[in-house]
C-alpha atoms as a PDB file:
ATOM      1  CA  MET A   1     -19.875 -24.848   8.042  1.00  0.00           C
ATOM      2  CA  ASP A   2     -16.539 -23.586   6.778  1.00  0.00           C
ATOM      3  CA  ASN A   3     -16.151 -23.240   3.016  1.00  0.00           C
ATOM      4  CA  LEU A   4     -13.233 -22.098   0.908  1.00  0.00           C
ATOM      5  CA  GLN A   5     -13.978 -18.933  -1.026  1.00  0.00           C
ATOM      6  CA  THR A   6     -12.486 -17.736  -4.268  1.00  0.00           C
ATOM      7  CA  PRO A   7     -10.000 -14.909  -3.542  1.00  0.00           C
ATOM      8  CA  LEU A   8     -11.080 -11.418  -4.547  1.00  0.00           C
ATOM      9  CA  GLN A   9      -9.465 -10.043  -7.670  1.00  0.00           C
ATOM     10  CA  PRO A  10      -9.365  -6.235  -7.207  1.00  0.00           C
ATOM     11  CA  LEU A  11      -7.798  -5.688 -10.623  1.00  0.00           C
ATOM     12  CA  MET A  12     -10.405  -7.834 -12.412  1.00  0.00           C
ATOM     13  CA  ASP A  13     -13.561  -7.343 -10.389  1.00  0.00           C
ATOM     14  CA  ASN A  14     -15.357  -4.089  -9.640  1.00  0.00           C
ATOM     15  CA  LEU A  15     -15.253  -4.140  -5.845  1.00  0.00           C
ATOM     16  CA  GLU A  16     -17.696  -2.142  -3.766  1.00  0.00           C
ATOM     17  CA  GLY A  17     -16.580   0.471  -1.235  1.00  0.00           C
ATOM     18  CA  GLU A  18     -17.618  -1.843   1.600  1.00  0.00           C
ATOM     19  CA  THR A  19     -15.118  -4.412   0.363  1.00  0.00           C
ATOM     20  CA  TYR A  20     -12.272  -1.900   0.482  1.00  0.00           C
ATOM     21  CA  GLU A  21     -13.461  -0.822   3.923  1.00  0.00           C
ATOM     22  CA  GLY A  22     -13.046  -4.418   5.048  1.00  0.00           C
ATOM     23  CA  PHE A  23      -9.506  -4.521   3.640  1.00  0.00           C
ATOM     24  CA  GLU A  24      -8.655  -1.282   5.423  1.00  0.00           C
ATOM     25  CA  LYS A  25      -9.632  -2.736   8.801  1.00  0.00           C
ATOM     26  CA  ASP A  26      -6.375  -4.723   8.712  1.00  0.00           C
ATOM     27  CA  PRO A  27      -3.900  -2.000   9.763  1.00  0.00           C
ATOM     28  CA  ILE A  28      -1.013  -4.447  10.200  1.00  0.00           C
ATOM     29  CA  LYS A  29      -0.594  -5.052   6.479  1.00  0.00           C
ATOM     30  CA  TYR A  30      -0.584  -1.308   5.784  1.00  0.00           C
ATOM     31  CA  ARG A  31       2.081  -0.724   8.457  1.00  0.00           C
ATOM     32  CA  GLN A  32       4.165  -3.543   6.980  1.00  0.00           C
ATOM     33  CA  TYR A  33       3.750  -2.091   3.487  1.00  0.00           C
ATOM     34  CA  GLU A  34       4.839   1.331   4.731  1.00  0.00           C
ATOM     35  CA  GLU A  35       7.849  -0.172   6.505  1.00  0.00           C
ATOM     36  CA  ALA A  36       8.876  -2.068   3.364  1.00  0.00           C
ATOM     37  CA  VAL A  37       8.678   1.126   1.293  1.00  0.00           C
ATOM     38  CA  PHE A  38      10.629   2.994   3.996  1.00  0.00           C
ATOM     39  CA  GLN A  39      13.401   0.377   3.939  1.00  0.00           C
ATOM     40  CA  ALA A  40      13.506   0.394   0.133  1.00  0.00           C
ATOM     41  CA  LEU A  41      13.744   4.184   0.065  1.00  0.00           C
ATOM     42  CA  ARG A  42      16.574   4.165   2.605  1.00  0.00           C
ATOM     43  CA  ASP A  43      18.471   1.783   0.323  1.00  0.00           C
ATOM     44  CA  ARG A  44      18.327   4.392  -2.455  1.00  0.00           C
ATOM     45  CA  PRO A  45      20.960   7.133  -2.670  1.00  0.00           C
ATOM     46  CA  ALA A  46      19.857  10.439  -1.169  1.00  0.00           C
ATOM     47  CA  GLY A  47      19.382  13.415  -3.454  1.00  0.00           C
ATOM     48  CA  GLY A  48      17.478  11.821  -6.305  1.00  0.00           C
ATOM     49  CA  VAL A  49      13.776  11.535  -6.909  1.00  0.00           C
ATOM     50  CA  VAL A  50      12.211   8.081  -6.588  1.00  0.00           C
ATOM     51  CA  THR A  51       9.072   7.228  -8.532  1.00  0.00           C
ATOM     52  CA  ILE A  52       6.635   4.875  -6.840  1.00  0.00           C
ATOM     53  CA  PHE A  53       3.735   3.303  -8.715  1.00  0.00           C
ATOM     54  CA  VAL A  54       0.833   2.038  -6.619  1.00  0.00           C
ATOM     55  CA  VAL A  55      -1.272  -0.073  -8.956  1.00  0.00           C
ATOM     56  CA  GLY A  56      -4.824  -0.669  -7.804  1.00  0.00           C
ATOM     57  CA  ALA A  57      -4.581   1.830  -4.956  1.00  0.00           C
ATOM     58  CA  GLY A  58      -8.184   1.322  -3.900  1.00  0.00           C
ATOM     59  CA  ARG A  59      -9.186   4.167  -1.629  1.00  0.00           C
ATOM     60  CA  GLY A  60      -5.660   5.387  -0.944  1.00  0.00           C
ATOM     61  CA  PRO A  61      -4.143   3.875   2.226  1.00  0.00           C
ATOM     62  CA  LEU A  62      -1.242   2.415   0.231  1.00  0.00           C
ATOM     63  CA  VAL A  63      -0.503   5.844  -1.248  1.00  0.00           C
ATOM     64  CA  ALA A  64      -0.703   7.427   2.209  1.00  0.00           C
ATOM     65  CA  GLY A  65       1.756   4.825   3.502  1.00  0.00           C
ATOM     66  CA  CYS A  66       4.184   5.630   0.690  1.00  0.00           C
ATOM     67  CA  LEU A  67       3.974   9.337   1.489  1.00  0.00           C
ATOM     68  CA  ARG A  68       4.647   8.686   5.192  1.00  0.00           C
ATOM     69  CA  ALA A  69       7.560   6.390   4.323  1.00  0.00           C
ATOM     70  CA  ALA A  70       9.061   9.074   2.090  1.00  0.00           C
ATOM     71  CA  GLU A  71       8.761  11.664   4.844  1.00  0.00           C
ATOM     72  CA  ARG A  72      10.317   9.327   7.418  1.00  0.00           C
ATOM     73  CA  SER A  73      13.188   8.396   5.097  1.00  0.00           C
ATOM     74  CA  GLY A  74      13.910  11.965   3.994  1.00  0.00           C
ATOM     75  CA  ARG A  75      13.696  10.900   0.349  1.00  0.00           C
ATOM     76  CA  THR A  76      11.829  12.728  -2.379  1.00  0.00           C
ATOM     77  CA  ILE A  77       9.178  10.811  -4.258  1.00  0.00           C
END
């Protein structure tokens, strides 16, 4: 029987490593996140340093995506 579940609140609840592992099995959202950061960085003028805050980074795939986006865009973060 299908039941609605309360959404997880990573910033309120202490989530187990297995939970983050489940999140990380959805590579599409991480690619989309990286692409969005890449596009945002390309919109910034070259030559400056851009600060990116990743709040609630979990185990790090969002940070890794930001680093790849910076490398692809040629911008310094």
